[in-house]
Every structure is written in C-alpha cells, then in structure tokens.
Protein backbone atom coordinates (compact mmCIF):
# COMPACT_ATOMS: atom_id res chain seq x y z
CA MET A 1 3.14 1.02 25.17
CA THR A 2 0.45 3.31 26.55
CA ARG A 3 -3.26 2.90 25.91
CA LEU A 4 -3.19 5.96 23.64
CA GLN A 5 -0.29 4.54 21.61
CA CYS A 6 -2.19 1.25 21.27
CA LEU A 7 -5.29 3.07 20.08
CA ILE A 8 -3.30 5.14 17.60
CA GLY A 9 -1.51 2.04 16.37
CA ASP A 10 -4.83 0.21 15.90
CA PHE A 11 -6.25 3.24 14.09
CA ASP A 12 -3.24 3.35 11.74
CA ARG A 13 -3.48 -0.35 10.97
CA ARG A 14 -7.18 -0.01 10.16
CA GLN A 15 -6.39 2.97 7.91
CA THR A 16 -3.60 1.25 5.97
CA SER A 17 -5.40 -1.95 5.04
CA SER A 18 -8.73 -2.10 3.27
CA PHE A 19 -8.63 -5.91 2.92
CA PRO A 20 -9.49 -8.01 5.97
CA GLY A 21 -6.75 -10.47 6.83
CA ALA A 22 -4.20 -8.79 4.56
CA PRO A 23 -0.75 -8.26 6.09
CA VAL A 24 -0.44 -4.77 7.51
CA ALA A 25 2.79 -2.80 7.67
CA GLU A 26 3.70 -1.25 11.01
CA PRO A 27 2.68 2.43 11.20
CA ASP A 28 5.31 5.11 10.73
CA PRO A 29 5.70 6.79 14.17
CA ALA A 30 6.75 10.12 12.61
CA ALA A 31 3.68 10.18 10.38
CA THR A 32 1.43 9.25 13.31
CA ASN A 33 2.93 11.99 15.48
CA GLY A 34 2.55 14.47 12.62
CA ARG A 35 -1.14 13.63 12.21
CA MET A 36 -1.73 13.92 15.95
CA LEU A 37 0.06 17.28 16.07
CA ASP A 38 -1.98 18.54 13.10
CA SER A 39 -5.25 17.52 14.76
CA VAL A 40 -4.27 19.18 18.06
CA GLU A 41 -3.29 22.36 16.19
CA ASP A 42 -6.63 22.32 14.32
CA MET A 43 -8.51 21.86 17.59
CA LEU A 44 -6.64 24.76 19.25
CA ALA A 45 -7.11 27.01 16.21
CA THR A 46 -10.85 26.32 16.26
CA ARG A 47 -11.15 27.06 19.98
CA CYS A 48 -8.98 30.20 19.78
CA ALA A 49 -10.91 31.48 16.77
CA SER A 50 -14.18 31.22 18.70
CA LEU A 51 -12.64 33.18 21.58
CA ASP A 52 -11.48 35.94 19.21
CA GLN A 53 -14.99 36.46 17.79
CA PRO A 54 -16.71 39.48 19.34
CA GLN A 55 -19.80 38.47 21.25
CA GLN A 56 -23.03 40.17 20.21
CA GLN A 57 -25.01 41.62 23.10
CA PRO A 58 -28.57 42.85 22.96
CA ALA A 59 -28.75 46.66 22.94
CA ALA A 60 -30.43 46.79 26.37
CA GLU A 61 -27.67 44.72 27.96
CA SER A 62 -24.86 46.70 26.39
CA ARG A 63 -26.20 49.95 27.88
CA ARG A 64 -26.08 48.60 31.42
CA SER A 65 -22.78 48.93 33.18
CA ALA A 66 -21.12 45.57 33.65
CA PRO A 67 -20.36 44.62 37.23
CA ARG A 68 -16.74 45.17 38.11
CA PRO A 69 -14.99 41.81 38.35
CA THR A 70 -13.41 40.86 41.65
CA PRO A 71 -9.62 41.22 41.44
CA ARG A 72 -7.78 37.94 41.90
CA VAL A 73 -4.40 37.51 43.55
CA LEU A 74 -2.38 34.28 43.43
CA CYS A 75 -0.42 33.78 46.65
CA ILE A 76 2.51 31.36 46.25
CA ASP A 77 3.98 30.57 49.68
CA ASP A 78 4.91 27.34 51.43
CA ASP A 79 3.50 28.45 54.80
CA PRO A 80 -0.23 27.57 54.84
CA GLU A 81 -0.88 29.64 57.99
CA TYR A 82 0.69 32.71 56.39
CA ILE A 83 -1.37 32.23 53.22
CA HIS A 84 -4.55 31.83 55.27
CA ALA A 85 -3.89 35.01 57.28
CA LEU A 86 -3.15 36.92 54.08
CA GLN A 87 -6.24 35.46 52.41
CA VAL A 88 -8.52 36.59 55.26
CA ARG A 89 -7.17 40.15 55.13
CA LEU A 90 -7.24 40.41 51.31
CA GLU A 91 -10.75 38.98 51.04
CA SER A 92 -11.94 41.52 53.61
CA ARG A 93 -10.79 44.16 51.09
CA GLY A 94 -12.66 42.55 48.19
CA ILE A 95 -9.76 40.62 46.65
CA ALA A 96 -10.17 36.93 45.81
CA VAL A 97 -7.14 34.80 46.71
CA LEU A 98 -5.87 31.74 44.84
CA ARG A 99 -3.36 29.63 46.75
CA ALA A 100 -0.31 27.53 45.87
CA THR A 101 2.29 26.08 48.24
CA THR A 102 5.14 25.13 45.87
CA GLY A 103 6.88 26.91 43.03
CA LEU A 104 5.67 24.36 40.48
CA ASP A 105 2.06 24.51 41.70
CA GLY A 106 2.22 28.29 41.65
CA PHE A 107 3.48 28.42 38.08
CA CYS A 108 0.84 25.91 36.93
CA SER A 109 -1.90 27.89 38.71
CA ALA A 110 -0.70 31.14 37.14
CA VAL A 111 -0.80 29.64 33.65
CA GLY A 112 -4.04 27.69 34.09
CA GLU A 113 -6.02 30.22 36.08
CA PRO A 114 -4.45 33.65 35.50
CA ALA A 115 -4.67 36.12 38.35
CA ASP A 116 -4.50 39.91 38.29
CA ALA A 117 -1.39 39.91 40.52
CA ILE A 118 0.94 37.36 42.09
CA LEU A 119 2.45 37.40 45.58
CA LEU A 120 5.53 35.18 45.43
CA ASP A 121 7.65 33.91 48.31
CA TYR A 122 11.32 33.42 47.51
CA GLN A 123 12.14 30.18 49.34
CA LEU A 124 9.77 27.54 47.99
CA PRO A 125 9.84 23.79 47.50
CA ASN A 126 9.91 22.76 43.81
CA GLY A 127 11.22 26.03 42.45
CA TYR A 128 12.84 28.99 44.15
CA GLY A 129 11.21 32.37 43.63
CA ASP A 130 13.80 33.58 41.12
CA PHE A 131 13.21 30.55 38.89
CA VAL A 132 9.41 30.84 39.18
CA LEU A 133 9.61 34.58 38.43
CA GLU A 134 11.76 33.93 35.36
CA GLN A 135 9.30 31.31 34.06
CA LEU A 136 6.34 33.63 34.67
CA LYS A 137 8.02 36.46 32.74
CA VAL A 138 8.92 34.36 29.67
CA ASN A 139 5.49 32.73 29.40
CA PRO A 140 3.14 34.70 27.10
CA ALA A 141 0.13 33.90 29.30
CA THR A 142 1.71 35.32 32.47
CA LYS A 143 4.38 37.84 31.45
CA GLY A 144 2.05 40.83 31.96
CA ILE A 145 0.93 39.84 35.47
CA PRO A 146 2.56 41.99 38.16
CA VAL A 147 4.59 39.92 40.63
CA ILE A 148 5.36 41.12 44.15
CA VAL A 149 8.07 39.07 45.85
CA ILE A 150 7.66 38.70 49.61
CA SER A 151 10.60 37.23 51.52
CA GLY A 152 12.14 37.03 54.95
CA SER A 153 15.54 37.58 53.36
CA LYS A 154 17.23 40.94 53.92
CA ASP A 155 19.74 40.29 51.10
CA ARG A 156 19.91 43.49 49.00
CA ALA A 157 21.56 41.65 46.09
CA LEU A 158 18.64 39.20 45.98
CA GLU A 159 16.18 42.09 46.03
CA TYR A 160 18.04 43.79 43.17
CA THR A 161 18.16 40.55 41.15
CA LEU A 162 14.43 39.84 41.51
CA VAL A 163 13.31 43.39 40.73
CA ASN A 164 15.57 43.40 37.65
CA GLY A 165 14.13 39.97 36.77
CA GLY A 166 10.63 41.38 36.46
CA ALA A 167 9.17 41.72 39.97
CA VAL A 168 7.31 45.01 40.44
CA ARG A 169 8.28 45.10 44.11
CA PHE A 170 10.30 43.22 46.73
CA MET A 171 8.75 43.30 50.21
CA HIS A 172 10.13 41.93 53.47
CA LYS A 173 8.50 39.68 56.05
CA PRO A 174 7.00 40.49 58.48
CA LEU A 175 4.78 42.20 55.96
CA ASP A 176 3.25 45.64 56.41
CA PHE A 177 -0.26 44.92 55.12
CA GLU A 178 -1.10 48.54 54.32
CA GLU A 179 2.10 48.81 52.28
CA LEU A 180 1.06 45.66 50.38
CA MET A 181 -2.41 47.12 49.75
CA SER A 182 -0.84 50.34 48.50
CA GLU A 183 1.24 48.33 46.01
CA LEU A 184 -1.75 46.22 44.93
CA ARG A 185 -3.83 49.36 44.31
CA LYS A 186 -1.26 50.40 41.70
CA HIS A 187 -1.99 47.23 39.71
CA LEU A 188 -5.59 46.28 40.57
CA ALA A 189 -8.97 47.96 40.46
CA VAL A 190 -9.57 47.72 44.22
C-alpha cells in the first residue's frame, strides 16, 4: 500500500466514524477513487477557468507593441552531437531549441512544454518516429504542432507513410540547413 493510499484510507476512516474507539468499516475503494477523481476534476476546472479569463491590461501597456516571442523548436534525436550542432545553428537564427534524446522523452517534452515546431528523427530509443508522430497527432495539446521528420533512411515508402501520418515534411540526413530553415519559415515567425 502506498503512502497516498494509507493517507486516503486514514482520511476515510476518520470521516466514517464520529465516535472514538467505535469499530470502523473498511472504506469503499470505488467511492474513494470517485472522490479523488472529483477533486482532481474540480482542481483542473478551477485552473483552466482562470486561464480562460481575459487578462486586463492598463491602457498604456496595451498600446505598446508586445515583443515578439522567440520561436521554440523541439529537437528529438538520439545523437547528442547532432542535436548540439543543430542547436547552435538554430539559435544563431533566433530560434530556441528544446532537446530530447528518446521518443518517450520527446513526447513528454512536447506535451509538457509545447514548442512551435518539432524536428523528429525516425530511429529513436523508446519509440520509433512513426509511433511518436502518431501520438503527437492524436494528442489535443500537440496535434497542431508542425512536425518535420529528419532521417538517414532513403526509404520512399517510409517517407510516404510519415507524411500521410501528419508530418509536414520528410527530410534526409545529411541535412541541408538552408532547406530546413526554409521549411521552418513556413511555420514559424522567424
């Protein structure tokens, strides 16, 4: 039994008996889970509602033009040297780079810290590119993010499959950086 389950169980026992020393029935796990789910849903609804509220700005601030945010690209590749080289070149063009070295880490980064575009290698530990792409495209938080697949594979069927699976472009390694920048300009304010 985990610490959380112990705490919930103790909470339920305290709630079901108002007489000290009286025998207490074991808590109903379904009811406990239902209460926990309700409280989590209430917490999320409260947080989401506050995000949906328009923020009031003073008139002087609203007249000033807001600084343009730095575009962010998530690079998911298992070769740290390749990611570093790409990061140096992209950052020199004003693009912030987030890094992940496995398919699972890349998916979690994309959901937790959404980027403006994703560069996805095909052959990755913990999730091949096609699986990661599929998960990105079915997740509401990431389905609108453009994904560019970059692979050393020359397999035309793979390219066709990934582009039909939601990738905006399939590019081959070694990468032509100017071609990549041209593709990123279509999707980012660079």
